[in-house]
PDB file of N, CA and C in Angstrom:
ATOM      1  N   MET A   1      -6.687 -15.680  -1.783  1.00  0.00           N
ATOM      2  CA  MET A   1      -7.808 -16.284  -2.448  1.00  0.00           C
ATOM      3  C   MET A   1      -8.572 -15.185  -3.189  1.00  0.00           C
ATOM      4  N   PRO A   2      -8.673 -15.270  -4.496  1.00  0.00           N
ATOM      5  CA  PRO A   2      -9.421 -14.275  -5.258  1.00  0.00           C
ATOM      6  C   PRO A   2     -10.913 -14.315  -4.920  1.00  0.00           C
ATOM      7  N   VAL A   3     -11.496 -13.121  -4.845  1.00  0.00           N
ATOM      8  CA  VAL A   3     -12.916 -12.988  -4.566  1.00  0.00           C
ATOM      9  C   VAL A   3     -13.485 -11.986  -5.552  1.00  0.00           C
ATOM     10  N   ALA A   4     -14.564 -12.348  -6.207  1.00  0.00           N
ATOM     11  CA  ALA A   4     -15.227 -11.429  -7.131  1.00  0.00           C
ATOM     12  C   ALA A   4     -16.118 -10.483  -6.336  1.00  0.00           C
ATOM     13  N   MET A   5     -16.056  -9.190  -6.666  1.00  0.00           N
ATOM     14  CA  MET A   5     -16.920  -8.226  -5.998  1.00  0.00           C
ATOM     15  C   MET A   5     -17.248  -7.094  -6.949  1.00  0.00           C
ATOM     16  N   LYS A   6     -18.373  -6.465  -6.692  1.00  0.00           N
ATOM     17  CA  LYS A   6     -18.779  -5.323  -7.508  1.00  0.00           C
ATOM     18  C   LYS A   6     -18.216  -4.053  -6.896  1.00  0.00           C
ATOM     19  N   LEU A   7     -17.585  -3.251  -7.732  1.00  0.00           N
ATOM     20  CA  LEU A   7     -17.035  -1.965  -7.309  1.00  0.00           C
ATOM     21  C   LEU A   7     -17.654  -0.872  -8.167  1.00  0.00           C
ATOM     22  N   SER A   8     -17.754   0.306  -7.616  1.00  0.00           N
ATOM     23  CA  SER A   8     -18.335   1.407  -8.385  1.00  0.00           C
ATOM     24  C   SER A   8     -17.419   1.765  -9.551  1.00  0.00           C
ATOM     25  N   ASP A   9     -18.052   2.229 -10.627  1.00  0.00           N
ATOM     26  CA  ASP A   9     -17.281   2.667 -11.796  1.00  0.00           C
ATOM     27  C   ASP A   9     -16.336   3.805 -11.413  1.00  0.00           C
ATOM     28  N   GLU A  10     -16.783   4.683 -10.519  1.00  0.00           N
ATOM     29  CA  GLU A  10     -15.968   5.821 -10.096  1.00  0.00           C
ATOM     30  C   GLU A  10     -14.696   5.354  -9.399  1.00  0.00           C
ATOM     31  N   LEU A  11     -14.812   4.375  -8.508  1.00  0.00           N
ATOM     32  CA  LEU A  11     -13.638   3.857  -7.806  1.00  0.00           C
ATOM     33  C   LEU A  11     -12.665   3.228  -8.795  1.00  0.00           C
ATOM     34  N   VAL A  12     -13.175   2.442  -9.725  1.00  0.00           N
ATOM     35  CA  VAL A  12     -12.317   1.770 -10.697  1.00  0.00           C
ATOM     36  C   VAL A  12     -11.621   2.793 -11.593  1.00  0.00           C
ATOM     37  N   GLU A  13     -12.325   3.830 -12.007  1.00  0.00           N
ATOM     38  CA  GLU A  13     -11.717   4.868 -12.848  1.00  0.00           C
ATOM     39  C   GLU A  13     -10.628   5.621 -12.081  1.00  0.00           C
ATOM     40  N   ASP A  14     -10.881   5.946 -10.821  1.00  0.00           N
ATOM     41  CA  ASP A  14      -9.852   6.595  -9.997  1.00  0.00           C
ATOM     42  C   ASP A  14      -8.643   5.677  -9.853  1.00  0.00           C
ATOM     43  N   ALA A  15      -8.895   4.395  -9.614  1.00  0.00           N
ATOM     44  CA  ALA A  15      -7.806   3.433  -9.436  1.00  0.00           C
ATOM     45  C   ALA A  15      -6.969   3.300 -10.699  1.00  0.00           C
ATOM     46  N   LYS A  16      -7.591   3.411 -11.867  1.00  0.00           N
ATOM     47  CA  LYS A  16      -6.841   3.320 -13.131  1.00  0.00           C
ATOM     48  C   LYS A  16      -5.782   4.413 -13.211  1.00  0.00           C
ATOM     49  N   LEU A  17      -6.143   5.625 -12.823  1.00  0.00           N
ATOM     50  CA  LEU A  17      -5.197   6.741 -12.881  1.00  0.00           C
ATOM     51  C   LEU A  17      -4.028   6.521 -11.939  1.00  0.00           C
ATOM     52  N   TYR A  18      -4.334   6.173 -10.689  1.00  0.00           N
ATOM     53  CA  TYR A  18      -3.273   5.957  -9.706  1.00  0.00           C
ATOM     54  C   TYR A  18      -2.444   4.728 -10.056  1.00  0.00           C
ATOM     55  N   ALA A  19      -3.092   3.689 -10.554  1.00  0.00           N
ATOM     56  CA  ALA A  19      -2.380   2.464 -10.927  1.00  0.00           C
ATOM     57  C   ALA A  19      -1.368   2.753 -12.033  1.00  0.00           C
ATOM     58  N   ALA A  20      -1.777   3.519 -13.027  1.00  0.00           N
ATOM     59  CA  ALA A  20      -0.861   3.858 -14.116  1.00  0.00           C
ATOM     60  C   ALA A  20       0.313   4.687 -13.597  1.00  0.00           C
ATOM     61  N   ALA A  21       0.029   5.645 -12.732  1.00  0.00           N
ATOM     62  CA  ALA A  21       1.077   6.513 -12.210  1.00  0.00           C
ATOM     63  C   ALA A  21       2.054   5.755 -11.314  1.00  0.00           C
ATOM     64  N   GLU A  22       1.566   4.737 -10.623  1.00  0.00           N
ATOM     65  CA  GLU A  22       2.405   4.008  -9.671  1.00  0.00           C
ATOM     66  C   GLU A  22       2.803   2.618 -10.175  1.00  0.00           C
ATOM     67  N   HIS A  23       2.564   2.373 -11.453  1.00  0.00           N
ATOM     68  CA  HIS A  23       2.972   1.125 -12.107  1.00  0.00           C
ATOM     69  C   HIS A  23       2.407  -0.124 -11.409  1.00  0.00           C
ATOM     70  N   ARG A  24       1.112  -0.066 -11.104  1.00  0.00           N
ATOM     71  CA  ARG A  24       0.405  -1.203 -10.519  1.00  0.00           C
ATOM     72  C   ARG A  24      -0.762  -1.550 -11.419  1.00  0.00           C
ATOM     73  N   SER A  25      -1.273  -2.752 -11.253  1.00  0.00           N
ATOM     74  CA  SER A  25      -2.522  -3.098 -11.917  1.00  0.00           C
ATOM     75  C   SER A  25      -3.660  -2.447 -11.128  1.00  0.00           C
ATOM     76  N   VAL A  26      -4.822  -2.346 -11.726  1.00  0.00           N
ATOM     77  CA  VAL A  26      -5.967  -1.754 -11.037  1.00  0.00           C
ATOM     78  C   VAL A  26      -6.324  -2.567  -9.784  1.00  0.00           C
ATOM     79  N   PRO A  27      -6.407  -3.903  -9.862  1.00  0.00           N
ATOM     80  CA  PRO A  27      -6.699  -4.659  -8.635  1.00  0.00           C
ATOM     81  C   PRO A  27      -5.638  -4.449  -7.552  1.00  0.00           C
ATOM     82  N   ARG A  28      -4.370  -4.393  -7.930  1.00  0.00           N
ATOM     83  CA  ARG A  28      -3.308  -4.165  -6.936  1.00  0.00           C
ATOM     84  C   ARG A  28      -3.411  -2.774  -6.324  1.00  0.00           C
ATOM     85  N   GLN A  29      -3.822  -1.779  -7.119  1.00  0.00           N
ATOM     86  CA  GLN A  29      -3.992  -0.428  -6.593  1.00  0.00           C
ATOM     87  C   GLN A  29      -5.106  -0.400  -5.556  1.00  0.00           C
ATOM     88  N   ILE A  30      -6.221  -1.040  -5.853  1.00  0.00           N
ATOM     89  CA  ILE A  30      -7.334  -1.079  -4.905  1.00  0.00           C
ATOM     90  C   ILE A  30      -6.930  -1.858  -3.654  1.00  0.00           C
ATOM     91  N   GLU A  31      -6.175  -2.921  -3.831  1.00  0.00           N
ATOM     92  CA  GLU A  31      -5.666  -3.696  -2.689  1.00  0.00           C
ATOM     93  C   GLU A  31      -4.746  -2.818  -1.829  1.00  0.00           C
ATOM     94  N   TYR A  32      -3.886  -2.035  -2.461  1.00  0.00           N
ATOM     95  CA  TYR A  32      -2.994  -1.124  -1.743  1.00  0.00           C
ATOM     96  C   TYR A  32      -3.807  -0.117  -0.925  1.00  0.00           C
ATOM     97  N   TRP A  33      -4.827   0.484  -1.553  1.00  0.00           N
ATOM     98  CA  TRP A  33      -5.673   1.431  -0.841  1.00  0.00           C
ATOM     99  C   TRP A  33      -6.337   0.767   0.360  1.00  0.00           C
ATOM    100  N   ALA A  34      -6.769  -0.474   0.197  1.00  0.00           N
ATOM    101  CA  ALA A  34      -7.410  -1.191   1.304  1.00  0.00           C
ATOM    102  C   ALA A  34      -6.424  -1.416   2.448  1.00  0.00           C
ATOM    103  N   ARG A  35      -5.185  -1.804   2.123  1.00  0.00           N
ATOM    104  CA  ARG A  35      -4.174  -2.008   3.168  1.00  0.00           C
ATOM    105  C   ARG A  35      -3.860  -0.703   3.898  1.00  0.00           C
ATOM    106  N   ILE A  36      -3.738   0.387   3.141  1.00  0.00           N
ATOM    107  CA  ILE A  36      -3.480   1.696   3.754  1.00  0.00           C
ATOM    108  C   ILE A  36      -4.655   2.083   4.655  1.00  0.00           C
ATOM    109  N   GLY A  37      -5.856   1.917   4.173  1.00  0.00           N
ATOM    110  CA  GLY A  37      -7.040   2.256   4.959  1.00  0.00           C
ATOM    111  C   GLY A  37      -7.113   1.459   6.247  1.00  0.00           C
ATOM    112  N   LYS A  38      -6.832   0.166   6.171  1.00  0.00           N
ATOM    113  CA  LYS A  38      -6.847  -0.683   7.368  1.00  0.00           C
ATOM    114  C   LYS A  38      -5.774  -0.230   8.347  1.00  0.00           C
ATOM    115  N   ALA A  39      -4.582   0.081   7.843  1.00  0.00           N
ATOM    116  CA  ALA A  39      -3.489   0.529   8.707  1.00  0.00           C
ATOM    117  C   ALA A  39      -3.841   1.846   9.396  1.00  0.00           C
ATOM    118  N   VAL A  40      -4.503   2.738   8.691  1.00  0.00           N
ATOM    119  CA  VAL A  40      -4.908   4.024   9.276  1.00  0.00           C
ATOM    120  C   VAL A  40      -5.940   3.798  10.377  1.00  0.00           C
ATOM    121  N   ILE A  41      -6.896   2.914  10.128  1.00  0.00           N
ATOM    122  CA  ILE A  41      -7.908   2.618  11.142  1.00  0.00           C
ATOM    123  C   ILE A  41      -7.277   1.942  12.356  1.00  0.00           C
ATOM    124  N   ASP A  42      -6.332   1.029  12.110  1.00  0.00           N
ATOM    125  CA  ASP A  42      -5.668   0.315  13.208  1.00  0.00           C
ATOM    126  C   ASP A  42      -4.715   1.209  13.999  1.00  0.00           C
ATOM    127  N   ASN A  43      -4.245   2.314  13.404  1.00  0.00           N
ATOM    128  CA  ASN A  43      -3.251   3.204  14.029  1.00  0.00           C
ATOM    129  C   ASN A  43      -3.697   4.659  13.879  1.00  0.00           C
ATOM    130  N   PRO A  44      -4.781   5.045  14.536  1.00  0.00           N
ATOM    131  CA  PRO A  44      -5.339   6.388  14.305  1.00  0.00           C
ATOM    132  C   PRO A  44      -4.430   7.543  14.711  1.00  0.00           C
ATOM    133  N   ASP A  45      -3.441   7.294  15.561  1.00  0.00           N
ATOM    134  CA  ASP A  45      -2.560   8.372  15.996  1.00  0.00           C
ATOM    135  C   ASP A  45      -1.318   8.540  15.124  1.00  0.00           C
ATOM    136  N   MET A  46      -1.140   7.644  14.147  1.00  0.00           N
ATOM    137  CA  MET A  46       0.038   7.714  13.279  1.00  0.00           C
ATOM    138  C   MET A  46      -0.283   8.492  12.008  1.00  0.00           C
ATOM    139  N   PRO A  47       0.618   9.370  11.582  1.00  0.00           N
ATOM    140  CA  PRO A  47       0.404  10.073  10.312  1.00  0.00           C
ATOM    141  C   PRO A  47       0.467   9.096   9.124  1.00  0.00           C
ATOM    142  N   LEU A  48      -0.284   9.403   8.098  1.00  0.00           N
ATOM    143  CA  LEU A  48      -0.326   8.553   6.908  1.00  0.00           C
ATOM    144  C   LEU A  48       1.069   8.319   6.337  1.00  0.00           C
ATOM    145  N   ARG A  49       1.881   9.364   6.252  1.00  0.00           N
ATOM    146  CA  ARG A  49       3.229   9.228   5.673  1.00  0.00           C
ATOM    147  C   ARG A  49       4.064   8.216   6.465  1.00  0.00           C
ATOM    148  N   LEU A  50       3.945   8.225   7.773  1.00  0.00           N
ATOM    149  CA  LEU A  50       4.681   7.268   8.597  1.00  0.00           C
ATOM    150  C   LEU A  50       4.202   5.845   8.329  1.00  0.00           C
ATOM    151  N   ILE A  51       2.905   5.669   8.199  1.00  0.00           N
ATOM    152  CA  ILE A  51       2.349   4.349   7.884  1.00  0.00           C
ATOM    153  C   ILE A  51       2.884   3.862   6.542  1.00  0.00           C
ATOM    154  N   GLN A  52       2.898   4.738   5.541  1.00  0.00           N
ATOM    155  CA  GLN A  52       3.417   4.366   4.226  1.00  0.00           C
ATOM    156  C   GLN A  52       4.895   4.006   4.306  1.00  0.00           C
ATOM    157  N   ASP A  53       5.663   4.766   5.069  1.00  0.00           N
ATOM    158  CA  ASP A  53       7.095   4.481   5.212  1.00  0.00           C
ATOM    159  C   ASP A  53       7.329   3.143   5.914  1.00  0.00           C
ATOM    160  N   VAL A  54       6.533   2.834   6.915  1.00  0.00           N
ATOM    161  CA  VAL A  54       6.659   1.544   7.603  1.00  0.00           C
ATOM    162  C   VAL A  54       6.342   0.399   6.637  1.00  0.00           C
ATOM    163  N   MET A  55       5.280   0.564   5.843  1.00  0.00           N
ATOM    164  CA  MET A  55       4.924  -0.477   4.875  1.00  0.00           C
ATOM    165  C   MET A  55       6.054  -0.681   3.861  1.00  0.00           C
ATOM    166  N   LEU A  56       6.642   0.406   3.393  1.00  0.00           N
ATOM    167  CA  LEU A  56       7.753   0.318   2.448  1.00  0.00           C
ATOM    168  C   LEU A  56       8.951  -0.363   3.095  1.00  0.00           C
ATOM    169  N   SER A  57       9.245   0.006   4.331  1.00  0.00           N
ATOM    170  CA  SER A  57      10.378  -0.595   5.045  1.00  0.00           C
ATOM    171  C   SER A  57      10.209  -2.098   5.187  1.00  0.00           C
ATOM    172  N   ARG A  58       9.007  -2.533   5.499  1.00  0.00           N
ATOM    173  CA  ARG A  58       8.755  -3.981   5.612  1.00  0.00           C
ATOM    174  C   ARG A  58       9.012  -4.696   4.287  1.00  0.00           C
ATOM    175  N   GLU A  59       8.601  -4.082   3.198  1.00  0.00           N
ATOM    176  CA  GLU A  59       8.828  -4.693   1.885  1.00  0.00           C
ATOM    177  C   GLU A  59      10.318  -4.728   1.555  1.00  0.00           C
ATOM    178  N   GLU A  60      11.049  -3.691   1.935  1.00  0.00           N
ATOM    179  CA  GLU A  60      12.495  -3.681   1.704  1.00  0.00           C
ATOM    180  C   GLU A  60      13.177  -4.804   2.477  1.00  0.00           C
ATOM    181  N   VAL A  61      12.757  -5.030   3.711  1.00  0.00           N
ATOM    182  CA  VAL A  61      13.307  -6.131   4.505  1.00  0.00           C
ATOM    183  C   VAL A  61      12.975  -7.463   3.840  1.00  0.00           C
ATOM    184  N   ASN A  62      11.733  -7.647   3.426  1.00  0.00           N
ATOM    185  CA  ASN A  62      11.318  -8.900   2.768  1.00  0.00           C
ATOM    186  C   ASN A  62      12.087  -9.151   1.480  1.00  0.00           C
ATOM    187  N   ALA A  63      12.471  -8.077   0.791  1.00  0.00           N
ATOM    188  CA  ALA A  63      13.199  -8.200  -0.471  1.00  0.00           C
ATOM    189  C   ALA A  63      14.706  -8.288  -0.264  1.00  0.00           C
ATOM    190  N   GLY A  64      15.144  -8.234   0.989  1.00  0.00           N
ATOM    191  CA  GLY A  64      16.571  -8.316   1.270  1.00  0.00           C
ATOM    192  C   GLY A  64      17.345  -7.075   0.873  1.00  0.00           C
ATOM    193  N   GLN A  65      16.693  -5.930   0.867  1.00  0.00           N
ATOM    194  CA  GLN A  65      17.331  -4.687   0.434  1.00  0.00           C
ATOM    195  C   GLN A  65      17.756  -3.809   1.608  1.00  0.00           C
ATOM    196  N   THR A  66      18.131  -4.428   2.711  1.00  0.00           N
ATOM    197  CA  THR A  66      18.545  -3.663   3.880  1.00  0.00           C
ATOM    198  C   THR A  66      19.987  -3.998   4.235  1.00  0.00           C
ATOM    199  N   VAL A  67      20.628  -3.080   4.921  1.00  0.00           N
ATOM    200  CA  VAL A  67      21.993  -3.265   5.391  1.00  0.00           C
ATOM    201  C   VAL A  67      21.958  -3.091   6.901  1.00  0.00           C
ATOM    202  N   PRO A  68      22.542  -4.039   7.647  1.00  0.00           N
ATOM    203  CA  PRO A  68      22.541  -3.904   9.109  1.00  0.00           C
ATOM    204  C   PRO A  68      23.259  -2.639   9.546  1.00  0.00           C
ATOM    205  N   TYR A  69      22.723  -1.983  10.558  1.00  0.00           N
ATOM    206  CA  TYR A  69      23.342  -0.776  11.110  1.00  0.00           C
ATOM    207  C   TYR A  69      24.348  -1.205  12.170  1.00  0.00           C
ATOM    208  N   GLU A  70      25.536  -0.629  12.090  1.00  0.00           N
ATOM    209  CA  GLU A  70      26.561  -0.937  13.068  1.00  0.00           C
ATOM    210  C   GLU A  70      26.892   0.332  13.844  1.00  0.00           C
ATOM    211  N   MET A  71      26.834   0.247  15.167  1.00  0.00           N
ATOM    212  CA  MET A  71      27.153   1.392  16.030  1.00  0.00           C
ATOM    213  C   MET A  71      28.663   1.643  16.021  1.00  0.00           C
ATOM    214  N   GLY A  72      29.010   2.910  16.084  1.00  0.00           N
ATOM    215  CA  GLY A  72      30.406   3.261  16.276  1.00  0.00           C
ATOM    216  C   GLY A  72      31.137   3.416  15.056  1.00  0.00           C
TER     217      GLY A  72
END
């Protein structure tokens, strides 16, 4: 559900740079930062890189881009 909110000009300008570099829209970049921030708060003992890798892995599974691992 879309929600209108006021954001600082500084945050939006920072998001523009990262959004362009990562091929996201500015709202999607801010949404990504919010998800990362929430994950860090929810998992204070996990390194940021591990959290990012877990998030990426979940998206790969959702997109059907995984291959089952077979032992042996």
